[in-house]
Amino acid sequence: MKRIWIYIACLLAGAAAWNGAAACAQTDIAASIDGAFSGTATSGVDRQSPSNSAGGLLEVRRIDSSLMGIEAAYSYNRANQVYSYTVPIGLPCPPPGGCYARPIAVSANAHAITGDWVVSRKMRNFRPFALAGGGLLLVIPSSGQKYTSTAAEFLFVLGAGLDWKLSSHIGLRLQYRENIYKAPQLLSTEIYPLASPRPPNVYTYTQEPALGVYYRF
């Protein structure tokens, strides 16, 4: 958890540096409530089923011109996982000839830190935008669980949204983001023999609709 607060401090320090480096640029800070809806990852006999959850999203964005900008973002949400696998044990199992072993649930939290390119265009009180970038996803099991470990994965992010200006400094932000990353493995082989090594390039995704407010300097 200490490492997460270090990342947040660096994010805020970067925001201050941006604001001082370009007085003519528009800089804003946004806070949103989002939902995290993740897909099930399947590879061979291994199946990983994340739970859906609500979370929070913080953004620091700078628009350098009428079109281009950059942002740094941090998001948090619950990331509970259920792991199961199939084994071919013959006729007693229903088609296609496999049975699911007892599922194993892991309680966890996900922290995503990204840097993104933003393309936007002002239209009266509205500014539609699209973004793309990448960063790091940390999935950290809750304390007190045996045979678990933290997973760190690179992620790609794509998104689009709309800023609605309510006053000279304050507005609403509605957006949709999608994170694409390798399915995190939180279980060790001591309790889950088929958990590792996981075949390479097993990717999954998290869809994140978000609604929040921004303050523009």
Protein backbone atom coordinates (compact mmCIF):
# COMPACT_ATOMS: atom_id res chain seq x y z
CA MET A 1 0.00 0.00 0.00
CA LYS A 2 2.91 2.37 0.69
CA ARG A 3 4.04 1.94 -2.90
CA ILE A 4 0.60 3.04 -4.16
CA TRP A 5 0.81 6.32 -2.20
CA ILE A 6 4.26 6.96 -3.71
CA TYR A 7 2.76 6.59 -7.19
CA ILE A 8 -0.05 9.03 -6.33
CA ALA A 9 2.47 11.57 -4.98
CA CYS A 10 4.44 11.34 -8.22
CA LEU A 11 1.24 11.88 -10.18
CA LEU A 12 0.44 15.09 -8.27
CA ALA A 13 4.03 16.31 -8.59
CA GLY A 14 3.82 15.79 -12.33
CA ALA A 15 0.63 17.83 -12.44
CA ALA A 16 2.39 20.77 -10.79
CA ALA A 17 5.30 20.51 -13.24
CA TRP A 18 2.91 20.53 -16.20
CA ASN A 19 1.11 23.61 -14.94
CA GLY A 20 4.35 25.55 -14.50
CA ALA A 21 5.87 24.47 -17.80
CA ALA A 22 3.11 25.81 -20.04
CA ALA A 23 1.11 28.74 -18.73
CA CYS A 24 -0.82 28.98 -21.97
CA ALA A 25 -1.98 25.36 -21.85
CA GLN A 26 -5.23 24.23 -20.28
CA THR A 27 -4.72 21.91 -17.33
CA ASP A 28 -7.44 20.12 -15.39
CA ILE A 29 -7.82 17.65 -12.54
CA ALA A 30 -10.76 15.23 -12.64
CA ALA A 31 -12.27 12.74 -10.20
CA SER A 32 -14.78 10.13 -11.35
CA ILE A 33 -16.73 7.15 -10.15
CA ASP A 34 -16.39 4.22 -12.53
CA GLY A 35 -17.51 0.65 -13.02
CA ALA A 36 -15.12 -2.19 -13.83
CA PHE A 37 -16.55 -4.98 -15.99
CA SER A 38 -13.92 -7.62 -16.81
CA GLY A 39 -14.00 -10.49 -19.26
CA THR A 40 -13.38 -14.14 -18.40
CA ALA A 41 -9.96 -15.40 -19.47
CA THR A 42 -9.69 -19.02 -20.69
CA SER A 43 -6.57 -20.86 -21.80
CA GLY A 44 -6.59 -24.60 -22.27
CA VAL A 45 -7.97 -26.10 -19.06
CA ASP A 46 -7.59 -22.89 -17.07
CA ARG A 47 -10.44 -20.42 -16.50
CA GLN A 48 -10.25 -17.09 -14.63
CA SER A 49 -13.47 -15.23 -13.80
CA PRO A 50 -13.10 -11.68 -12.39
CA SER A 51 -15.98 -10.04 -10.55
CA ASN A 52 -17.55 -6.74 -11.59
CA SER A 53 -17.13 -3.81 -9.21
CA ALA A 54 -17.26 -0.05 -8.73
CA GLY A 55 -14.18 2.12 -8.21
CA GLY A 56 -12.61 5.52 -8.63
CA LEU A 57 -10.59 7.32 -11.31
CA LEU A 58 -8.25 10.32 -10.93
CA GLU A 59 -6.89 12.21 -13.95
CA VAL A 60 -4.51 15.09 -14.58
CA ARG A 61 -4.83 16.36 -18.14
CA ARG A 62 -3.12 19.07 -20.13
CA ILE A 63 -4.38 20.27 -23.51
CA ASP A 64 -1.47 21.88 -25.38
CA SER A 65 -3.39 22.92 -28.50
CA SER A 66 -6.88 22.91 -29.97
CA LEU A 67 -6.48 19.19 -30.72
CA MET A 68 -3.67 17.45 -28.82
CA GLY A 69 -3.03 16.82 -25.15
CA ILE A 70 -1.66 14.35 -22.62
CA GLU A 71 -2.86 12.95 -19.32
CA ALA A 72 -1.80 10.83 -16.37
CA ALA A 73 -4.46 8.68 -14.70
CA TYR A 74 -4.81 6.45 -11.65
CA SER A 75 -7.75 4.10 -11.07
CA TYR A 76 -8.71 1.77 -8.25
CA ASN A 77 -11.30 -0.99 -8.07
CA ARG A 78 -11.90 -4.32 -6.42
CA ALA A 79 -10.52 -7.19 -8.50
CA ASN A 80 -11.73 -10.42 -6.91
CA GLN A 81 -10.89 -13.49 -8.99
CA VAL A 82 -12.32 -17.00 -9.20
CA TYR A 83 -9.98 -19.65 -10.62
CA SER A 84 -11.08 -23.05 -11.91
CA TYR A 85 -9.83 -25.67 -14.35
CA THR A 86 -11.13 -28.67 -16.26
CA VAL A 87 -9.81 -32.21 -16.15
CA PRO A 88 -10.88 -35.00 -18.53
CA ILE A 89 -12.16 -37.66 -16.13
CA GLY A 90 -14.46 -39.57 -18.45
CA LEU A 91 -18.14 -40.37 -18.74
CA PRO A 92 -19.56 -39.04 -15.45
CA CYS A 93 -18.98 -35.48 -16.70
CA PRO A 94 -21.29 -33.69 -19.14
CA PRO A 95 -20.11 -32.90 -22.67
CA PRO A 96 -17.59 -31.93 -23.95
CA GLY A 97 -15.93 -34.38 -21.58
CA GLY A 98 -14.57 -32.21 -18.81
CA CYS A 99 -15.40 -31.26 -15.23
CA TYR A 100 -14.62 -28.10 -13.33
CA ALA A 101 -12.63 -28.65 -10.19
CA ARG A 102 -13.63 -26.78 -7.03
CA PRO A 103 -13.30 -23.05 -7.80
CA ILE A 104 -10.81 -21.05 -5.76
CA ALA A 105 -11.70 -17.44 -4.95
CA VAL A 106 -9.12 -14.72 -4.31
CA SER A 107 -10.02 -11.32 -2.87
CA ALA A 108 -7.90 -8.56 -4.43
CA ASN A 109 -7.60 -4.88 -5.36
CA ALA A 110 -6.51 -3.46 -8.72
CA HIS A 111 -4.47 -0.28 -9.18
CA ALA A 112 -3.89 1.03 -12.73
CA ILE A 113 -1.47 3.86 -13.55
CA THR A 114 -1.42 5.10 -17.15
CA GLY A 115 -0.11 7.85 -19.41
CA ASP A 116 -2.32 8.72 -22.40
CA TRP A 117 -2.44 10.83 -25.54
CA VAL A 118 -5.66 12.82 -25.80
CA VAL A 119 -7.26 14.20 -28.96
CA SER A 120 -10.11 16.66 -28.38
CA ARG A 121 -12.02 19.50 -29.99
CA LYS A 122 -13.94 22.31 -28.31
CA MET A 123 -17.54 22.79 -29.49
CA ARG A 124 -19.24 25.59 -27.54
CA ASN A 125 -19.61 24.23 -23.98
CA PHE A 126 -18.64 20.70 -25.00
CA ARG A 127 -15.30 19.04 -25.72
CA PRO A 128 -15.50 15.47 -27.11
CA PHE A 129 -12.24 13.53 -26.80
CA ALA A 130 -10.55 10.24 -27.56
CA LEU A 131 -7.52 8.79 -25.81
CA ALA A 132 -4.98 6.00 -26.12
CA GLY A 133 -2.00 5.03 -24.02
CA GLY A 134 -0.49 2.48 -21.68
CA GLY A 135 0.76 1.86 -18.21
CA LEU A 136 0.98 -0.60 -15.35
CA LEU A 137 -1.68 -2.71 -13.65
CA LEU A 138 -1.03 -3.93 -10.10
CA VAL A 139 -3.42 -6.57 -8.74
CA ILE A 140 -2.79 -7.00 -5.01
CA PRO A 141 -4.48 -9.80 -3.01
CA SER A 142 -6.06 -8.76 0.29
CA SER A 143 -3.96 -9.55 3.36
CA GLY A 144 -4.35 -12.81 5.23
CA GLN A 145 -4.74 -15.06 2.17
CA LYS A 146 -2.30 -17.95 1.79
CA TYR A 147 -0.60 -18.97 -1.45
CA THR A 148 -1.19 -15.67 -3.22
CA SER A 149 1.10 -13.01 -4.65
CA THR A 150 0.87 -9.63 -6.35
CA ALA A 151 0.61 -9.56 -10.15
CA ALA A 152 2.04 -6.69 -12.22
CA GLU A 153 1.05 -6.44 -15.88
CA PHE A 154 1.51 -3.87 -18.62
CA LEU A 155 -1.78 -2.59 -20.01
CA PHE A 156 -3.06 -0.71 -23.04
CA VAL A 157 -5.92 1.74 -22.69
CA LEU A 158 -8.35 3.11 -25.27
CA GLY A 159 -11.20 5.47 -24.56
CA ALA A 160 -13.54 8.25 -25.59
CA GLY A 161 -15.73 10.74 -23.78
CA LEU A 162 -17.21 14.19 -23.44
CA ASP A 163 -16.43 17.20 -21.24
CA TRP A 164 -19.38 19.49 -20.51
CA LYS A 165 -18.37 22.93 -19.22
CA LEU A 166 -20.68 24.24 -16.49
CA SER A 167 -18.63 27.34 -15.61
CA SER A 168 -15.25 28.86 -16.48
CA HIS A 169 -13.46 26.29 -14.29
CA ILE A 170 -15.85 23.41 -13.47
CA GLY A 171 -17.51 20.80 -15.65
CA LEU A 172 -18.75 17.24 -15.97
CA ARG A 173 -16.82 14.42 -17.64
CA LEU A 174 -18.50 11.35 -19.10
CA GLN A 175 -16.21 8.72 -20.59
CA TYR A 176 -15.65 5.09 -21.49
CA ARG A 177 -12.24 3.42 -21.13
CA GLU A 178 -11.13 -0.11 -21.98
CA ASN A 179 -7.99 -1.66 -20.50
CA ILE A 180 -6.35 -4.60 -22.28
CA TYR A 181 -3.76 -6.68 -20.41
CA LYS A 182 -2.53 -10.19 -19.66
CA ALA A 183 -4.77 -12.01 -17.22
CA PRO A 184 -3.12 -11.66 -13.78
CA GLN A 185 -2.11 -14.83 -11.96
CA LEU A 186 -2.51 -14.48 -8.20
CA LEU A 187 -2.28 -18.14 -7.11
CA SER A 188 0.88 -20.14 -6.53
CA THR A 189 1.44 -23.72 -7.72
CA GLU A 190 1.36 -24.95 -4.10
CA ILE A 191 -2.43 -24.73 -4.01
CA TYR A 192 -3.32 -24.66 -7.69
CA PRO A 193 -1.05 -26.97 -9.74
CA LEU A 194 -2.22 -25.71 -13.15
CA ALA A 195 -1.86 -22.04 -12.28
CA SER A 196 1.72 -21.71 -13.48
CA PRO A 197 3.28 -21.52 -15.90
CA ARG A 198 0.38 -19.84 -17.69
CA PRO A 199 0.60 -20.00 -21.50
CA PRO A 200 1.87 -16.67 -22.89
CA ASN A 201 -0.34 -13.97 -24.39
CA VAL A 202 -3.56 -14.80 -22.54
CA TYR A 203 -5.15 -11.38 -22.73
CA THR A 204 -8.31 -10.09 -21.13
CA TYR A 205 -9.98 -6.70 -20.77
CA THR A 206 -11.77 -4.42 -18.34
CA GLN A 207 -14.47 -2.01 -19.54
CA GLU A 208 -14.74 1.16 -17.43
CA PRO A 209 -17.62 3.60 -17.93
CA ALA A 210 -17.04 6.66 -15.72
CA LEU A 211 -18.84 9.83 -14.64
CA GLY A 212 -17.12 12.62 -12.74
CA VAL A 213 -16.25 16.29 -12.41
CA TYR A 214 -13.19 18.27 -13.45
CA TYR A 215 -11.61 21.53 -12.37
CA ARG A 216 -9.82 23.43 -15.16
CA PHE A 217 -7.10 25.98 -14.35
